[in-house]
Amino acid sequence: MGVPLTVNLLLPLVLYYVLRALDVAQWQALLLSGVIPAAHAVGTALVRRRVEVFDLLVVVLLGASAGLSAVSGSPRVLLLKDAGIPVVLGLWVLGTLLAARPLAFHFGQRLRGPAGAEAAERAWRELPEFRTALRGLTLLWGGAQLLDAALSTVAALGLPIDLVPVVGKIESFTILGAMVALTVRRSRAFRDRYGIPLFGLAAAGAPRPSGDAPKLTVSDALRS
């Protein structure tokens, strides 16, 4: 996690401002700083002998924005690359709502063991509240990516160019942090109400949550 974060976010930002301090033109500094994550994506694909969609997206957007920037002569076109990535991701996340299982369900499956995965499948089939909660989180995540894209576009077109890289990173991290907090809060609220964590299943026969009204537990919800 630390290496991709450093390569894709920290190093490009540092390199951009180092190049600007050396009086490199804005469009050149943007292009050169964008080469770092693109080179990392290509190198990762060669090592794994497998092309990830996100890595391909980074390379394609860098190439397209570099070409358009060279034609137009505007460095702002290169800045719009940072809006293109969350647009594509946001639309992809929202698109999973049309699939048999949304992204939030598949994300949760990565955190469960075999027994938990089987129980989650049963919860998906039998509990409308479980399905609604995971679809709601998927909608929230996709919407957050589109919000990030919209704010990045406004910044790229309206702010002084040298401010955009750092402002964009702060904005993206703020949105990410808010999404993590909301996801944790919703997951805990769902678990407290129904006895079923959204991203991992409690053991059958777990104690019934306290409160005046009876709460649904795993054994109640998933009884064969």
Protein backbone atom coordinates (compact mmCIF):
# COMPACT_ATOMS: atom_id res chain seq x y z
CA MET A 1 0.00 0.00 0.00
CA GLY A 2 2.78 2.41 0.96
CA VAL A 3 4.74 2.03 -2.27
CA PRO A 4 1.81 2.68 -4.67
CA LEU A 5 0.71 5.64 -2.53
CA THR A 6 4.19 7.14 -2.61
CA VAL A 7 4.72 6.52 -6.33
CA ASN A 8 1.28 7.67 -7.47
CA LEU A 9 0.71 10.61 -5.15
CA LEU A 10 3.71 11.84 -3.19
CA LEU A 11 6.57 11.58 -5.69
CA PRO A 12 4.71 13.26 -8.59
CA LEU A 13 3.73 16.13 -6.31
CA VAL A 14 7.28 16.59 -5.01
CA LEU A 15 8.77 16.31 -8.49
CA TYR A 16 6.38 18.91 -9.90
CA TYR A 17 7.35 21.55 -7.34
CA VAL A 18 11.05 20.70 -7.60
CA LEU A 19 10.88 21.20 -11.37
CA ARG A 20 8.96 24.46 -10.95
CA ALA A 21 11.61 25.66 -8.50
CA LEU A 22 14.15 24.95 -11.27
CA ASP A 23 12.07 27.16 -13.58
CA VAL A 24 10.80 24.31 -15.74
CA ALA A 25 7.68 25.29 -17.70
CA GLN A 26 4.38 24.32 -16.12
CA TRP A 27 3.28 21.92 -18.86
CA GLN A 28 6.68 20.19 -18.86
CA ALA A 29 6.68 19.86 -15.07
CA LEU A 30 3.16 18.41 -15.16
CA LEU A 31 4.06 15.98 -17.91
CA LEU A 32 7.28 14.80 -16.26
CA SER A 33 5.64 14.37 -12.86
CA GLY A 34 2.85 12.37 -14.50
CA VAL A 35 5.39 9.99 -16.03
CA ILE A 36 6.18 8.52 -12.59
CA PRO A 37 2.81 6.78 -12.00
CA ALA A 38 2.61 5.85 -15.69
CA ALA A 39 6.07 4.23 -15.58
CA HIS A 40 5.13 2.45 -12.36
CA ALA A 41 1.96 1.12 -14.02
CA VAL A 42 3.90 -0.18 -17.01
CA GLY A 43 6.58 -1.73 -14.81
CA THR A 44 3.97 -3.42 -12.61
CA ALA A 45 2.23 -4.85 -15.69
CA LEU A 46 5.52 -6.25 -17.00
CA VAL A 47 6.41 -7.86 -13.67
CA ARG A 48 2.97 -9.37 -13.13
CA ARG A 49 2.50 -10.13 -16.82
CA ARG A 50 -1.00 -8.84 -16.35
CA VAL A 51 -2.50 -5.46 -17.19
CA GLU A 52 -4.71 -3.93 -14.50
CA VAL A 53 -7.54 -1.67 -15.63
CA PHE A 54 -6.45 1.16 -13.34
CA ASP A 55 -2.85 1.03 -14.56
CA LEU A 56 -4.02 1.09 -18.17
CA LEU A 57 -6.26 4.05 -17.38
CA VAL A 58 -3.34 6.03 -15.92
CA VAL A 59 -1.18 5.44 -19.00
CA VAL A 60 -3.96 6.19 -21.51
CA LEU A 61 -5.04 9.41 -19.77
CA LEU A 62 -1.46 10.65 -19.49
CA GLY A 63 -0.84 10.00 -23.18
CA ALA A 64 -4.12 11.58 -24.26
CA SER A 65 -3.73 14.66 -22.07
CA ALA A 66 -0.09 15.11 -23.11
CA GLY A 67 -1.08 15.03 -26.78
CA LEU A 68 -3.95 17.46 -26.30
CA SER A 69 -1.76 19.76 -24.22
CA ALA A 70 0.90 19.81 -26.95
CA VAL A 71 -1.74 20.73 -29.54
CA SER A 72 -3.52 23.33 -27.45
CA GLY A 73 -0.45 24.70 -25.71
CA SER A 74 -2.34 24.76 -22.40
CA PRO A 75 -1.03 23.01 -19.27
CA ARG A 76 -4.59 22.96 -17.93
CA VAL A 77 -5.36 20.08 -20.26
CA LEU A 78 -2.77 18.00 -18.39
CA LEU A 79 -4.40 18.98 -15.10
CA LEU A 80 -7.72 17.63 -16.33
CA LYS A 81 -6.13 14.15 -16.36
CA ASP A 82 -6.59 14.07 -12.59
CA ALA A 83 -10.32 14.58 -13.12
CA GLY A 84 -10.52 11.86 -15.78
CA ILE A 85 -9.43 9.06 -13.45
CA PRO A 86 -12.19 9.54 -10.82
CA VAL A 87 -14.78 10.01 -13.60
CA VAL A 88 -13.99 6.58 -15.03
CA LEU A 89 -13.75 4.97 -11.59
CA GLY A 90 -16.99 6.58 -10.43
CA LEU A 91 -18.91 5.42 -13.49
CA TRP A 92 -17.46 1.92 -13.14
CA VAL A 93 -18.44 1.74 -9.45
CA LEU A 94 -21.97 2.92 -10.22
CA GLY A 95 -22.12 0.47 -13.11
CA THR A 96 -21.70 -2.44 -10.68
CA LEU A 97 -25.15 -1.56 -9.31
CA LEU A 98 -26.51 -3.11 -12.51
CA ALA A 99 -24.57 -6.34 -11.95
CA ALA A 100 -25.66 -9.33 -9.87
CA ARG A 101 -23.57 -8.05 -6.94
CA PRO A 102 -22.41 -4.45 -6.41
CA LEU A 103 -18.83 -3.44 -5.68
CA ALA A 104 -19.42 -3.15 -1.92
CA PHE A 105 -20.43 -6.82 -1.76
CA HIS A 106 -17.29 -7.97 -3.61
CA PHE A 107 -15.16 -5.70 -1.41
CA GLY A 108 -16.66 -7.33 1.66
CA GLN A 109 -15.97 -10.81 0.30
CA ARG A 110 -12.25 -10.01 0.24
CA LEU A 111 -12.39 -9.48 4.02
CA ARG A 112 -14.25 -12.69 4.85
CA GLY A 113 -13.12 -16.26 5.24
CA PRO A 114 -14.86 -19.10 3.40
CA ALA A 115 -17.53 -19.47 6.10
CA GLY A 116 -18.17 -15.74 6.16
CA ALA A 117 -18.40 -15.62 2.37
CA GLU A 118 -21.04 -18.35 2.37
CA ALA A 119 -23.02 -16.59 5.09
CA ALA A 120 -22.81 -13.31 3.17
CA GLU A 121 -24.22 -15.01 0.08
CA ARG A 122 -27.14 -16.28 2.15
CA ALA A 123 -27.67 -12.82 3.65
CA TRP A 124 -27.68 -11.33 0.15
CA ARG A 125 -30.34 -13.78 -0.99
CA GLU A 126 -32.54 -13.61 2.12
CA LEU A 127 -32.18 -10.11 3.60
CA PRO A 128 -33.40 -7.10 1.57
CA GLU A 129 -31.81 -4.81 4.19
CA PHE A 130 -28.41 -6.37 3.53
CA ARG A 131 -28.77 -5.81 -0.21
CA THR A 132 -30.01 -2.25 0.27
CA ALA A 133 -27.13 -1.34 2.60
CA LEU A 134 -24.45 -2.63 0.22
CA ARG A 135 -26.05 -0.97 -2.78
CA GLY A 136 -26.25 2.27 -0.80
CA LEU A 137 -22.53 2.12 0.00
CA THR A 138 -21.72 1.40 -3.63
CA LEU A 139 -23.78 4.43 -4.66
CA LEU A 140 -21.98 6.52 -2.06
CA TRP A 141 -18.53 5.43 -3.28
CA GLY A 142 -19.36 6.06 -6.92
CA GLY A 143 -20.86 9.45 -6.13
CA ALA A 144 -17.76 10.40 -4.15
CA GLN A 145 -15.56 9.66 -7.15
CA LEU A 146 -17.73 11.82 -9.39
CA LEU A 147 -17.64 14.61 -6.79
CA ASP A 148 -13.85 14.33 -6.75
CA ALA A 149 -13.85 14.59 -10.55
CA ALA A 150 -16.12 17.66 -10.52
CA LEU A 151 -14.01 19.47 -7.91
CA SER A 152 -10.81 18.54 -9.76
CA THR A 153 -12.25 19.98 -12.98
CA VAL A 154 -13.20 23.24 -11.28
CA ALA A 155 -9.73 23.49 -9.74
CA ALA A 156 -7.96 22.67 -13.02
CA LEU A 157 -9.88 25.33 -14.91
CA GLY A 158 -10.15 28.02 -12.26
CA LEU A 159 -7.20 27.99 -9.84
CA PRO A 160 -3.66 29.19 -10.52
CA ILE A 161 -1.91 26.27 -12.19
CA ASP A 162 0.83 25.92 -9.59
CA LEU A 163 -1.77 25.56 -6.83
CA VAL A 164 -3.80 22.84 -8.51
CA PRO A 165 -1.55 19.79 -7.82
CA VAL A 166 -1.43 20.29 -4.04
CA VAL A 167 -5.05 21.47 -3.75
CA GLY A 168 -6.18 18.47 -5.77
CA LYS A 169 -4.35 16.01 -3.52
CA ILE A 170 -5.77 17.62 -0.36
CA GLU A 171 -9.29 17.53 -1.85
CA SER A 172 -8.97 13.89 -2.89
CA PHE A 173 -7.65 12.79 0.50
CA THR A 174 -10.43 14.73 2.26
CA ILE A 175 -13.11 12.99 0.19
CA LEU A 176 -11.42 9.61 0.73
CA GLY A 177 -11.27 10.17 4.49
CA ALA A 178 -14.94 11.17 4.58
CA MET A 179 -15.90 8.04 2.62
CA VAL A 180 -13.92 5.78 4.96
CA ALA A 181 -15.56 7.39 8.01
CA LEU A 182 -19.06 7.09 6.52
CA THR A 183 -18.45 3.48 5.49
CA VAL A 184 -17.30 2.52 8.99
CA ARG A 185 -20.22 4.37 10.56
CA ARG A 186 -22.82 2.72 8.31
CA SER A 187 -21.29 -0.72 8.76
CA ARG A 188 -21.33 -0.40 12.54
CA ALA A 189 -24.91 0.91 12.55
CA PHE A 190 -26.04 -2.01 10.39
CA ARG A 191 -24.24 -4.53 12.60
CA ASP A 192 -25.74 -3.02 15.77
CA ARG A 193 -29.25 -3.18 14.29
CA TYR A 194 -29.20 -6.57 12.58
CA GLY A 195 -26.26 -8.38 14.15
CA ILE A 196 -24.61 -8.69 10.73
CA PRO A 197 -21.49 -6.69 9.80
CA LEU A 198 -21.54 -5.62 6.17
CA PHE A 199 -17.89 -6.57 5.66
CA GLY A 200 -17.69 -9.75 7.69
CA LEU A 201 -20.20 -12.06 9.32
CA ALA A 202 -20.54 -12.56 13.06
CA ALA A 203 -20.79 -16.10 14.26
CA ALA A 204 -24.21 -17.70 14.30
CA GLY A 205 -25.87 -17.50 17.71
CA ALA A 206 -24.22 -14.16 18.49
CA PRO A 207 -25.82 -12.37 21.45
CA ARG A 208 -28.91 -10.36 20.62
CA PRO A 209 -28.14 -6.61 20.60
CA SER A 210 -29.53 -4.78 23.61
CA GLY A 211 -32.44 -2.38 23.32
CA ASP A 212 -36.18 -2.12 23.81
CA ALA A 213 -37.14 -3.44 20.36
CA PRO A 214 -36.03 -6.93 19.32
CA LYS A 215 -33.15 -6.90 16.89
CA LEU A 216 -32.42 -9.30 14.05
CA THR A 217 -29.40 -11.53 14.69
CA VAL A 218 -27.39 -13.68 12.33
CA SER A 219 -29.17 -16.83 13.50
CA ASP A 220 -32.56 -15.16 12.96
CA ALA A 221 -31.69 -13.77 9.55
CA LEU A 222 -29.84 -16.74 8.11
CA ARG A 223 -31.71 -19.65 9.67
CA SER A 224 -32.03 -22.39 7.10
